[in-house]
C-alpha atoms as a PDB file:
ATOM      1  CA  MET A   1     -57.634  10.665  28.203  1.00  0.00           C
ATOM      2  CA  ILE A   2     -55.422   7.904  26.788  1.00  0.00           C
ATOM      3  CA  LEU A   3     -54.037   6.442  29.977  1.00  0.00           C
ATOM      4  CA  GLU A   4     -54.341   6.859  33.718  1.00  0.00           C
ATOM      5  CA  MET A   5     -52.179   5.368  36.440  1.00  0.00           C
ATOM      6  CA  LYS A   6     -53.340   5.433  40.041  1.00  0.00           C
ATOM      7  CA  ASP A   7     -51.109   4.441  42.949  1.00  0.00           C
ATOM      8  CA  ILE A   8     -48.959   2.133  40.816  1.00  0.00           C
ATOM      9  CA  CYS A   9     -46.379   0.043  42.681  1.00  0.00           C
ATOM     10  CA  LYS A  10     -43.950  -2.523  41.327  1.00  0.00           C
ATOM     11  CA  ASP A  11     -42.200  -4.885  43.716  1.00  0.00           C
ATOM     12  CA  TYR A  12     -39.750  -7.714  43.172  1.00  0.00           C
ATOM     13  CA  GLN A  13     -39.224 -10.530  45.633  1.00  0.00           C
ATOM     14  CA  MET A  14     -35.536 -10.803  46.506  1.00  0.00           C
ATOM     15  CA  GLY A  15     -35.068 -14.137  48.210  1.00  0.00           C
ATOM     16  CA  LYS A  16     -37.469 -15.409  50.844  1.00  0.00           C
ATOM     17  CA  SER A  17     -37.726 -12.368  53.087  1.00  0.00           C
ATOM     18  CA  SER A  18     -36.649  -9.292  51.111  1.00  0.00           C
ATOM     19  CA  VAL A  19     -38.745  -7.180  48.724  1.00  0.00           C
ATOM     20  CA  LEU A  20     -37.358  -4.570  46.324  1.00  0.00           C
ATOM     21  CA  HIS A  21     -39.804  -1.669  45.872  1.00  0.00           C
ATOM     22  CA  VAL A  22     -39.021  -0.303  42.393  1.00  0.00           C
ATOM     23  CA  LEU A  23     -42.082   1.911  41.810  1.00  0.00           C
ATOM     24  CA  LYS A  24     -43.773   3.626  44.726  1.00  0.00           C
ATOM     25  CA  HIS A  25     -47.360   4.881  44.363  1.00  0.00           C
ATOM     26  CA  VAL A  26     -46.945   6.386  40.879  1.00  0.00           C
ATOM     27  CA  ASN A  27     -49.772   8.555  39.531  1.00  0.00           C
ATOM     28  CA  LEU A  28     -49.813   9.683  35.903  1.00  0.00           C
ATOM     29  CA  THR A  29     -52.456  10.888  33.460  1.00  0.00           C
ATOM     30  CA  VAL A  30     -51.805  11.270  29.729  1.00  0.00           C
ATOM     31  CA  ASN A  31     -54.297  13.020  27.472  1.00  0.00           C
ATOM     32  CA  GLU A  32     -54.474  12.983  23.702  1.00  0.00           C
ATOM     33  CA  GLY A  33     -51.866  15.325  22.206  1.00  0.00           C
ATOM     34  CA  ASP A  34     -49.619  15.453  25.290  1.00  0.00           C
ATOM     35  CA  TYR A  35     -45.841  15.516  24.898  1.00  0.00           C
ATOM     36  CA  ILE A  36     -44.304  14.189  28.112  1.00  0.00           C
ATOM     37  CA  ALA A  37     -40.746  13.413  29.141  1.00  0.00           C
ATOM     38  CA  ILE A  38     -39.885  11.188  32.077  1.00  0.00           C
ATOM     39  CA  MET A  39     -36.363  11.785  33.371  1.00  0.00           C
ATOM     40  CA  GLY A  40     -34.359   9.685  35.748  1.00  0.00           C
ATOM     41  CA  PRO A  41     -30.875   8.274  36.327  1.00  0.00           C
ATOM     42  CA  SER A  42     -29.968   4.608  36.020  1.00  0.00           C
ATOM     43  CA  GLY A  43     -31.739   2.596  38.712  1.00  0.00           C
ATOM     44  CA  SER A  44     -34.441   5.209  39.288  1.00  0.00           C
ATOM     45  CA  GLY A  45     -37.319   3.022  38.079  1.00  0.00           C
ATOM     46  CA  LYS A  46     -37.829   4.732  34.724  1.00  0.00           C
ATOM     47  CA  SER A  47     -37.301   1.571  32.668  1.00  0.00           C
ATOM     48  CA  THR A  48     -39.744  -0.334  34.873  1.00  0.00           C
ATOM     49  CA  LEU A  49     -42.280   2.469  34.485  1.00  0.00           C
ATOM     50  CA  MET A  50     -41.773   2.457  30.712  1.00  0.00           C
ATOM     51  CA  ASN A  51     -42.357  -1.296  30.594  1.00  0.00           C
ATOM     52  CA  ILE A  52     -45.634  -0.941  32.467  1.00  0.00           C
ATOM     53  CA  ILE A  53     -46.796   2.014  30.345  1.00  0.00           C
ATOM     54  CA  GLY A  54     -45.941  -0.034  27.253  1.00  0.00           C
ATOM     55  CA  CYS A  55     -47.818  -3.147  28.477  1.00  0.00           C
ATOM     56  CA  LEU A  56     -44.572  -5.119  28.586  1.00  0.00           C
ATOM     57  CA  ASP A  57     -45.111  -5.683  32.314  1.00  0.00           C
ATOM     58  CA  VAL A  58     -47.916  -5.273  34.834  1.00  0.00           C
ATOM     59  CA  PRO A  59     -47.910  -3.482  38.201  1.00  0.00           C
ATOM     60  CA  SER A  60     -47.816  -5.280  41.518  1.00  0.00           C
ATOM     61  CA  SER A  61     -50.626  -3.039  42.772  1.00  0.00           C
ATOM     62  CA  GLY A  62     -52.561   0.033  41.722  1.00  0.00           C
ATOM     63  CA  ILE A  63     -54.714   0.645  38.660  1.00  0.00           C
ATOM     64  CA  TYR A  64     -53.499   1.267  35.107  1.00  0.00           C
ATOM     65  CA  ASN A  65     -56.164   2.036  32.517  1.00  0.00           C
ATOM     66  CA  LEU A  66     -55.151   2.282  28.847  1.00  0.00           C
ATOM     67  CA  GLU A  67     -57.995   3.304  26.549  1.00  0.00           C
ATOM     68  CA  GLY A  68     -60.485   1.763  28.962  1.00  0.00           C
ATOM     69  CA  ASN A  69     -58.533  -1.477  29.455  1.00  0.00           C
ATOM     70  CA  GLN A  70     -57.378  -2.306  32.973  1.00  0.00           C
ATOM     71  CA  ILE A  71     -53.878  -3.609  32.320  1.00  0.00           C
ATOM     72  CA  GLY A  72     -53.399  -5.511  35.566  1.00  0.00           C
ATOM     73  CA  LYS A  73     -56.212  -7.884  34.605  1.00  0.00           C
ATOM     74  CA  CYS A  74     -54.943  -8.687  31.096  1.00  0.00           C
ATOM     75  CA  SER A  75     -53.389 -11.957  29.961  1.00  0.00           C
ATOM     76  CA  ASP A  76     -50.105 -11.999  28.050  1.00  0.00           C
ATOM     77  CA  ASN A  77     -51.989 -12.364  24.756  1.00  0.00           C
ATOM     78  CA  GLN A  78     -54.253  -9.451  25.619  1.00  0.00           C
ATOM     79  CA  LEU A  79     -51.230  -7.308  26.520  1.00  0.00           C
ATOM     80  CA  ALA A  80     -49.675  -8.123  23.142  1.00  0.00           C
ATOM     81  CA  GLU A  81     -52.874  -7.090  21.372  1.00  0.00           C
ATOM     82  CA  LEU A  82     -53.001  -3.808  23.298  1.00  0.00           C
ATOM     83  CA  ARG A  83     -49.356  -3.043  22.494  1.00  0.00           C
ATOM     84  CA  ASN A  84     -49.916  -3.607  18.798  1.00  0.00           C
ATOM     85  CA  LYS A  85     -53.162  -1.624  18.734  1.00  0.00           C
ATOM     86  CA  TYR A  86     -52.371   1.403  20.880  1.00  0.00           C
ATOM     87  CA  ILE A  87     -48.604   1.857  21.292  1.00  0.00           C
ATOM     88  CA  GLY A  88     -45.751   2.620  18.908  1.00  0.00           C
ATOM     89  CA  PHE A  89     -42.296   1.925  20.360  1.00  0.00           C
ATOM     90  CA  VAL A  90     -39.034   3.702  19.529  1.00  0.00           C
ATOM     91  CA  PHE A  91     -35.921   2.250  21.166  1.00  0.00           C
ATOM     92  CA  GLN A  92     -32.365   3.496  21.486  1.00  0.00           C
ATOM     93  CA  SER A  93     -30.961   0.562  19.512  1.00  0.00           C
ATOM     94  CA  PHE A  94     -33.558   0.636  16.667  1.00  0.00           C
ATOM     95  CA  HIS A  95     -34.400  -3.138  16.776  1.00  0.00           C
ATOM     96  CA  LEU A  96     -34.670  -3.404  12.985  1.00  0.00           C
ATOM     97  CA  MET A  97     -34.537  -6.747  11.178  1.00  0.00           C
ATOM     98  CA  PRO A  98     -31.165  -6.729   9.363  1.00  0.00           C
ATOM     99  CA  ARG A  99     -32.238  -8.833   6.367  1.00  0.00           C
ATOM    100  CA  MET A 100     -35.377  -6.816   5.712  1.00  0.00           C
ATOM    101  CA  THR A 101     -35.654  -3.613   3.714  1.00  0.00           C
ATOM    102  CA  ALA A 102     -36.768  -0.371   5.311  1.00  0.00           C
ATOM    103  CA  LEU A 103     -40.199  -0.868   3.749  1.00  0.00           C
ATOM    104  CA  ASP A 104     -40.582  -4.392   5.124  1.00  0.00           C
ATOM    105  CA  ASN A 105     -39.310  -3.371   8.578  1.00  0.00           C
ATOM    106  CA  VAL A 106     -41.912  -0.623   8.746  1.00  0.00           C
ATOM    107  CA  ALA A 107     -44.676  -2.907   7.497  1.00  0.00           C
ATOM    108  CA  LEU A 108     -43.946  -5.623  10.076  1.00  0.00           C
ATOM    109  CA  PRO A 109     -46.432  -4.468  12.782  1.00  0.00           C
ATOM    110  CA  LEU A 110     -49.190  -4.421  10.150  1.00  0.00           C
ATOM    111  CA  LEU A 111     -48.420  -8.058   9.305  1.00  0.00           C
ATOM    112  CA  PHE A 112     -49.033  -8.991  12.946  1.00  0.00           C
ATOM    113  CA  ALA A 113     -52.240  -6.948  12.831  1.00  0.00           C
ATOM    114  CA  GLY A 114     -53.534  -8.985   9.885  1.00  0.00           C
ATOM    115  CA  VAL A 115     -53.393  -6.193   7.289  1.00  0.00           C
ATOM    116  CA  ARG A 116     -53.245  -7.388   3.676  1.00  0.00           C
ATOM    117  CA  LYS A 117     -49.905  -7.161   1.857  1.00  0.00           C
ATOM    118  CA  ALA A 118     -50.752  -4.397  -0.611  1.00  0.00           C
ATOM    119  CA  GLU A 119     -52.183  -2.223   2.151  1.00  0.00           C
ATOM    120  CA  ARG A 120     -49.171  -2.935   4.391  1.00  0.00           C
ATOM    121  CA  ARG A 121     -46.772  -1.780   1.709  1.00  0.00           C
ATOM    122  CA  ARG A 122     -48.798   1.335   0.907  1.00  0.00           C
ATOM    123  CA  ARG A 123     -48.996   2.403   4.540  1.00  0.00           C
ATOM    124  CA  ALA A 124     -45.328   1.607   5.139  1.00  0.00           C
ATOM    125  CA  ALA A 125     -44.332   3.748   2.154  1.00  0.00           C
ATOM    126  CA  ASP A 126     -46.495   6.601   3.509  1.00  0.00           C
ATOM    127  CA  ALA A 127     -44.814   6.330   6.929  1.00  0.00           C
ATOM    128  CA  LEU A 128     -41.343   6.412   5.346  1.00  0.00           C
ATOM    129  CA  ARG A 129     -42.371   9.495   3.398  1.00  0.00           C
ATOM    130  CA  ILE A 130     -43.426  11.203   6.644  1.00  0.00           C
ATOM    131  CA  VAL A 131     -39.968  10.619   8.144  1.00  0.00           C
ATOM    132  CA  GLY A 132     -38.208  11.756   4.966  1.00  0.00           C
ATOM    133  CA  LEU A 133     -36.980   8.386   3.721  1.00  0.00           C
ATOM    134  CA  GLU A 134     -39.136   7.815   0.649  1.00  0.00           C
ATOM    135  CA  ASP A 135     -35.915   7.325  -1.358  1.00  0.00           C
ATOM    136  CA  ARG A 136     -34.634   4.596   0.994  1.00  0.00           C
ATOM    137  CA  VAL A 137     -37.529   2.117   0.916  1.00  0.00           C
ATOM    138  CA  ASN A 138     -35.417  -0.711  -0.529  1.00  0.00           C
ATOM    139  CA  HIS A 139     -32.334  -0.131   1.628  1.00  0.00           C
ATOM    140  CA  HIS A 140     -31.333  -2.532   4.403  1.00  0.00           C
ATOM    141  CA  PRO A 141     -30.258  -1.309   7.864  1.00  0.00           C
ATOM    142  CA  ASP A 142     -26.553  -1.777   7.092  1.00  0.00           C
ATOM    143  CA  GLN A 143     -26.966   0.556   4.114  1.00  0.00           C
ATOM    144  CA  LEU A 144     -28.336   3.367   6.274  1.00  0.00           C
ATOM    145  CA  SER A 145     -26.807   5.735   8.827  1.00  0.00           C
ATOM    146  CA  GLY A 146     -27.736   5.577  12.485  1.00  0.00           C
ATOM    147  CA  GLY A 147     -30.045   8.556  12.137  1.00  0.00           C
ATOM    148  CA  GLN A 148     -31.743   7.008   9.111  1.00  0.00           C
ATOM    149  CA  ASN A 149     -32.225   3.724  10.953  1.00  0.00           C
ATOM    150  CA  GLN A 150     -33.857   5.581  13.821  1.00  0.00           C
ATOM    151  CA  ARG A 151     -36.183   7.310  11.369  1.00  0.00           C
ATOM    152  CA  VAL A 152     -37.090   3.886   9.951  1.00  0.00           C
ATOM    153  CA  ALA A 153     -37.846   2.800  13.520  1.00  0.00           C
ATOM    154  CA  ILE A 154     -40.037   5.877  14.014  1.00  0.00           C
ATOM    155  CA  ALA A 155     -41.866   5.113  10.768  1.00  0.00           C
ATOM    156  CA  ARG A 156     -42.470   1.586  12.054  1.00  0.00           C
ATOM    157  CA  ALA A 157     -43.812   3.049  15.308  1.00  0.00           C
ATOM    158  CA  ILE A 158     -46.323   5.333  13.567  1.00  0.00           C
ATOM    159  CA  VAL A 159     -47.425   3.038  10.722  1.00  0.00           C
ATOM    160  CA  GLY A 160     -50.308   1.618  12.744  1.00  0.00           C
ATOM    161  CA  ASN A 161     -51.577   5.070  13.812  1.00  0.00           C
ATOM    162  CA  PRO A 162     -51.063   4.298  17.520  1.00  0.00           C
ATOM    163  CA  LYS A 163     -52.645   6.307  20.284  1.00  0.00           C
ATOM    164  CA  LEU A 164     -49.255   6.704  21.978  1.00  0.00           C
ATOM    165  CA  LEU A 165     -45.621   6.938  20.875  1.00  0.00           C
ATOM    166  CA  LEU A 166     -43.333   5.608  23.600  1.00  0.00           C
ATOM    167  CA  ALA A 167     -39.685   6.507  23.007  1.00  0.00           C
ATOM    168  CA  ASP A 168     -36.845   5.135  25.138  1.00  0.00           C
ATOM    169  CA  GLU A 169     -33.650   7.232  24.864  1.00  0.00           C
ATOM    170  CA  PRO A 170     -34.320   7.761  21.118  1.00  0.00           C
ATOM    171  CA  THR A 171     -31.117   9.767  20.515  1.00  0.00           C
ATOM    172  CA  GLY A 172     -28.855   7.736  22.804  1.00  0.00           C
ATOM    173  CA  ALA A 173     -27.057   5.933  19.960  1.00  0.00           C
ATOM    174  CA  LEU A 174     -26.842   8.932  17.622  1.00  0.00           C
ATOM    175  CA  ASP A 175     -24.380  11.725  16.945  1.00  0.00           C
ATOM    176  CA  SER A 176     -25.484  15.266  17.738  1.00  0.00           C
ATOM    177  CA  THR A 177     -26.563  16.119  14.174  1.00  0.00           C
ATOM    178  CA  SER A 178     -28.675  12.981  13.801  1.00  0.00           C
ATOM    179  CA  GLY A 179     -30.045  13.537  17.292  1.00  0.00           C
ATOM    180  CA  ARG A 180     -31.248  17.017  16.375  1.00  0.00           C
ATOM    181  CA  GLN A 181     -32.947  15.660  13.260  1.00  0.00           C
ATOM    182  CA  VAL A 182     -34.726  12.958  15.247  1.00  0.00           C
ATOM    183  CA  MET A 183     -35.918  15.423  17.889  1.00  0.00           C
ATOM    184  CA  GLU A 184     -37.173  17.742  15.159  1.00  0.00           C
ATOM    185  CA  LEU A 185     -39.107  14.810  13.718  1.00  0.00           C
ATOM    186  CA  PHE A 186     -40.714  14.156  17.119  1.00  0.00           C
ATOM    187  CA  HIS A 187     -41.645  17.838  17.250  1.00  0.00           C
ATOM    188  CA  GLN A 188     -43.298  17.568  13.823  1.00  0.00           C
ATOM    189  CA  LEU A 189     -45.185  14.434  14.836  1.00  0.00           C
ATOM    190  CA  HIS A 190     -46.424  16.159  17.981  1.00  0.00           C
ATOM    191  CA  GLU A 191     -47.501  19.199  15.962  1.00  0.00           C
ATOM    192  CA  SER A 192     -49.513  16.862  13.729  1.00  0.00           C
ATOM    193  CA  GLY A 193     -51.330  15.422  16.760  1.00  0.00           C
ATOM    194  CA  SER A 194     -49.211  12.538  18.069  1.00  0.00           C
ATOM    195  CA  THR A 195     -49.164  11.812  21.788  1.00  0.00           C
ATOM    196  CA  ILE A 196     -45.599  11.188  22.956  1.00  0.00           C
ATOM    197  CA  ILE A 197     -43.948   9.892  26.111  1.00  0.00           C
ATOM    198  CA  MET A 198     -40.165  10.082  26.034  1.00  0.00           C
ATOM    199  CA  ILE A 199     -37.990   8.267  28.578  1.00  0.00           C
ATOM    200  CA  THR A 200     -34.575   9.881  29.039  1.00  0.00           C
ATOM    201  CA  HIS A 201     -31.771  10.637  31.477  1.00  0.00           C
ATOM    202  CA  ASP A 202     -30.851  13.798  29.517  1.00  0.00           C
ATOM    203  CA  ALA A 203     -32.330  17.143  30.602  1.00  0.00           C
ATOM    204  CA  ASN A 204     -31.541  18.591  27.183  1.00  0.00           C
ATOM    205  CA  ILE A 205     -33.744  15.967  25.502  1.00  0.00           C
ATOM    206  CA  ALA A 206     -36.466  16.315  28.142  1.00  0.00           C
ATOM    207  CA  ALA A 207     -36.614  20.069  27.493  1.00  0.00           C
ATOM    208  CA  HIS A 208     -38.274  19.368  24.128  1.00  0.00           C
ATOM    209  CA  ALA A 209     -41.395  18.092  25.900  1.00  0.00           C
ATOM    210  CA  GLU A 210     -44.282  20.204  27.153  1.00  0.00           C
ATOM    211  CA  THR A 211     -44.454  18.436  30.519  1.00  0.00           C
ATOM    212  CA  VAL A 212     -41.516  16.859  32.326  1.00  0.00           C
ATOM    213  CA  TYR A 213     -41.580  14.352  35.166  1.00  0.00           C
ATOM    214  CA  HIS A 214     -38.620  13.201  37.221  1.00  0.00           C
ATOM    215  CA  ILE A 215     -38.448   9.747  38.746  1.00  0.00           C
ATOM    216  CA  PHE A 216     -36.046   8.973  41.560  1.00  0.00           C
ATOM    217  CA  ASP A 217     -36.080   5.971  43.886  1.00  0.00           C
ATOM    218  CA  GLY A 218     -39.356   4.911  42.281  1.00  0.00           C
ATOM    219  CA  ILE A 219     -41.196   8.168  43.075  1.00  0.00           C
ATOM    220  CA  LEU A 220     -42.569  10.199  40.149  1.00  0.00           C
ATOM    221  CA  LYS A 221     -42.901  13.985  40.435  1.00  0.00           C
ATOM    222  CA  GLU A 222     -43.640  16.695  37.897  1.00  0.00           C
ATOM    223  CA  THR A 223     -40.654  18.979  37.217  1.00  0.00           C
ATOM    224  CA  ASP A 224     -40.650  22.740  36.801  1.00  0.00           C
ATOM    225  CA  THR A 225     -39.594  23.065  33.147  1.00  0.00           C
ATOM    226  CA  SER A 226     -38.031  26.463  33.866  1.00  0.00           C
ATOM    227  CA  GLU A 227     -35.299  24.502  35.636  1.00  0.00           C
ATOM    228  CA  LEU A 228     -34.317  22.795  32.371  1.00  0.00           C
ATOM    229  CA  THR A 229     -31.991  24.294  29.791  1.00  0.00           C
ATOM    230  CA  ASP A 230     -33.266  25.190  26.346  1.00  0.00           C
ATOM    231  CA  PRO A 231     -32.979  22.145  24.087  1.00  0.00           C
ATOM    232  CA  GLU A 232     -29.854  21.901  21.966  1.00  0.00           C
ATOM    233  CA  VAL A 233     -30.576  18.487  20.410  1.00  0.00           C
END
């Protein structure tokens, strides 16, 4: 088991007397090798849940254990260490450094982890090879297509061999062809043993996962995958 959430709630104080309940008693278990999608419309709580899973935020109540670490008791520095050690992030908008090459963008998390330069560059080159961009190591983001930039971002996410890949709308900024290529890459990573949680509003994207959850009004429920269409992207 990589992570377990028990009775997770997230509340925000709205003024002196009003409380906004964003997550309501969420329970989730993720085991090594799982491929999970979490679906939900805007305002459903899925972004808040993603932030807690990714140690970018902490719950108001409940217990979240990530690889034996109880997240609610961690300091900001400890949360940063856990993110860098256990989680690889893939975002809709790539978040690449524009003045850095693909190789240096991918190597960046290893710099923060204290890995020596030669080893950083070797591992970054290996990650770019995995995503099919070994011939683009010296290209900058503005020299790459959207799909290629997302593959650079995926390489950056996997370069540290994280326990969990957390992807937030990974095809949202891509055309359909690039989207299909990115989803095929996630399939290949899962086949090679990666554990993946994908946050999406798109049932077609969610259909790629083995297990699908739906979040609505802060309540998380597992979805019958037979209700989803076969994936097209």
